[in-house]
Amino acid sequence: MNFNPPIETRPDKELFEITSNVEDWDSEAVLIAKKELLKRGYSSRKIEHKESVSSKSKEKIKALKRSKGLTKKELIILIVCAPYIFISMFSTFLPRIGKTVMELENEGFHKLKWQRLTVLTLANALWFFVLSVWLNLF
């Protein structure tokens, strides 16, 4: 199989990335990258160590993303800005604040996605209630 640029011409860092991301690369590309690293003087132990460190760090990042939640400051900002955030989702001329719920889902922030969705829903309901009471007073 031909790769562009050829795997043999790539820098060491990129070769280590290929060997560490087996699920993203063709098995032939991974094999060529390992052979090239061995040719460049790296030991097979060093190559395997880089692979295991990379997979461990990926798992840690996934776990952190799954468990990340809102801070108190972010919670207050969401409550105060809830109507603006809601309106800016449907507006083409208002800039958005933060990421959308779908962007959070796609990036793996599951807990943060549900917290943001819940807080925005409740905060918009609260704003609606406060405004309706306020408007009935006048």
Protein backbone atom coordinates (compact mmCIF):
# COMPACT_ATOMS: atom_id res chain seq x y z
CA MET A 1 0.00 0.00 0.00
CA ASN A 2 1.27 3.49 -0.81
CA PHE A 3 1.09 6.15 1.87
CA ASN A 4 1.42 9.84 1.19
CA PRO A 5 3.90 10.98 2.41
CA PRO A 6 5.72 7.65 2.62
CA ILE A 7 5.93 6.40 6.19
CA GLU A 8 9.70 5.91 5.90
CA THR A 9 10.20 9.65 5.34
CA ARG A 10 8.14 10.83 8.33
CA PRO A 11 9.77 12.23 11.48
CA ASP A 12 10.22 10.04 14.58
CA LYS A 13 7.44 11.78 16.49
CA GLU A 14 4.93 10.99 13.76
CA LEU A 15 6.11 7.38 13.58
CA PHE A 16 5.55 7.01 17.32
CA GLU A 17 2.05 8.47 16.87
CA ILE A 18 1.31 5.86 14.20
CA THR A 19 2.48 2.99 16.41
CA SER A 20 0.53 4.38 19.37
CA ASN A 21 -2.75 4.85 17.48
CA VAL A 22 -3.23 1.36 16.08
CA GLU A 23 -7.01 1.77 15.78
CA ASP A 24 -6.58 4.86 13.54
CA TRP A 25 -4.06 3.34 11.13
CA ASP A 26 -3.91 0.43 8.73
CA SER A 27 -2.02 -2.56 10.18
CA GLU A 28 0.50 -2.33 7.34
CA ALA A 29 1.24 1.31 8.21
CA VAL A 30 1.81 0.41 11.85
CA LEU A 31 4.16 -2.41 10.88
CA ILE A 32 6.14 -0.14 8.51
CA ALA A 33 6.38 2.55 11.20
CA LYS A 34 7.70 0.02 13.76
CA LYS A 35 10.27 -1.30 11.28
CA GLU A 36 11.37 2.25 10.46
CA LEU A 37 11.77 3.12 14.16
CA LEU A 38 13.86 -0.03 14.67
CA LYS A 39 15.93 0.95 11.63
CA ARG A 40 16.49 4.40 13.19
CA GLY A 41 17.95 2.82 16.32
CA TYR A 42 15.00 2.71 18.71
CA SER A 43 14.65 -0.49 20.71
CA SER A 44 11.47 -2.54 20.51
CA ARG A 45 11.11 -2.02 24.27
CA LYS A 46 11.07 1.78 23.79
CA ILE A 47 8.47 1.48 21.02
CA GLU A 48 6.22 -0.74 23.19
CA HIS A 49 6.65 1.63 26.15
CA LYS A 50 5.49 4.60 24.05
CA GLU A 51 2.49 2.54 22.89
CA SER A 52 1.42 1.66 26.43
CA VAL A 53 1.92 5.21 27.74
CA SER A 54 -0.17 6.57 24.89
CA SER A 55 -3.05 4.16 25.47
CA LYS A 56 -3.00 4.81 29.24
CA SER A 57 -3.09 8.58 28.74
CA LYS A 58 -5.97 8.24 26.26
CA GLU A 59 -7.97 6.29 28.84
CA LYS A 60 -7.22 8.90 31.52
CA ILE A 61 -8.37 11.72 29.21
CA LYS A 62 -11.59 9.84 28.39
CA ALA A 63 -12.29 9.27 32.10
CA LEU A 64 -11.66 12.94 32.90
CA LYS A 65 -13.96 14.07 30.12
CA ARG A 66 -16.73 11.71 31.27
CA SER A 67 -16.54 12.96 34.86
CA LYS A 68 -15.97 16.70 34.31
CA GLY A 69 -18.80 18.81 35.69
CA LEU A 70 -19.75 22.46 36.05
CA THR A 71 -17.91 24.67 38.51
CA LYS A 72 -19.85 27.09 40.71
CA LYS A 73 -18.71 30.01 38.54
CA GLU A 74 -19.89 28.28 35.35
CA LEU A 75 -23.19 27.42 37.02
CA ILE A 76 -23.84 31.06 37.96
CA ILE A 77 -22.92 32.25 34.47
CA LEU A 78 -25.30 29.72 32.92
CA ILE A 79 -28.17 30.77 35.18
CA VAL A 80 -27.65 34.48 34.57
CA CYS A 81 -27.09 34.13 30.83
CA ALA A 82 -29.64 31.35 30.15
CA PRO A 83 -32.04 33.44 28.04
CA TYR A 84 -29.19 34.83 25.95
CA ILE A 85 -27.70 31.36 25.44
CA PHE A 86 -31.11 30.01 24.41
CA ILE A 87 -31.75 32.85 21.93
CA SER A 88 -28.21 32.70 20.50
CA MET A 89 -28.73 29.02 19.59
CA PHE A 90 -31.32 30.09 17.00
CA SER A 91 -29.75 33.38 15.98
CA THR A 92 -27.26 33.92 13.19
CA PHE A 93 -26.12 37.34 14.37
CA LEU A 94 -25.60 36.75 18.12
CA PRO A 95 -22.30 35.16 19.19
CA ARG A 96 -22.61 31.93 21.16
CA ILE A 97 -21.40 31.46 24.73
CA GLY A 98 -19.61 28.15 25.22
CA LYS A 99 -20.16 24.93 23.37
CA THR A 100 -23.48 23.49 22.36
CA VAL A 101 -24.80 20.34 23.99
CA MET A 102 -24.10 18.36 20.82
CA GLU A 103 -20.51 19.62 20.69
CA LEU A 104 -20.02 18.49 24.30
CA GLU A 105 -21.49 15.09 23.45
CA ASN A 106 -19.25 14.67 20.41
CA GLU A 107 -16.17 15.54 22.46
CA GLY A 108 -17.04 13.02 25.18
CA PHE A 109 -18.11 15.37 27.98
CA HIS A 110 -21.18 13.33 29.01
CA LYS A 111 -21.67 14.60 32.57
CA LEU A 112 -21.05 18.21 31.53
CA LYS A 113 -23.55 17.87 28.68
CA TRP A 114 -26.36 16.70 30.97
CA GLN A 115 -25.54 19.30 33.63
CA ARG A 116 -25.56 22.10 31.07
CA LEU A 117 -28.81 20.90 29.52
CA THR A 118 -30.50 20.60 32.93
CA VAL A 119 -29.27 23.96 34.20
CA LEU A 120 -30.24 25.77 31.00
CA THR A 121 -33.73 24.23 31.05
CA LEU A 122 -34.33 25.07 34.71
CA ALA A 123 -32.77 28.53 34.42
CA ASN A 124 -34.92 29.42 31.39
CA ALA A 125 -38.01 28.23 33.27
CA LEU A 126 -36.97 30.37 36.25
CA TRP A 127 -36.43 33.43 34.02
CA PHE A 128 -39.80 32.86 32.35
CA PHE A 129 -41.51 32.61 35.76
CA VAL A 130 -39.76 35.73 37.13
CA LEU A 131 -40.59 37.78 34.04
CA SER A 132 -44.23 36.65 33.97
CA VAL A 133 -44.67 37.58 37.66
CA TRP A 134 -42.90 40.89 37.12
CA LEU A 135 -45.05 41.75 34.08
CA ASN A 136 -48.27 40.92 35.96
CA LEU A 137 -47.31 43.40 38.67
CA PHE A 138 -47.32 46.33 36.26
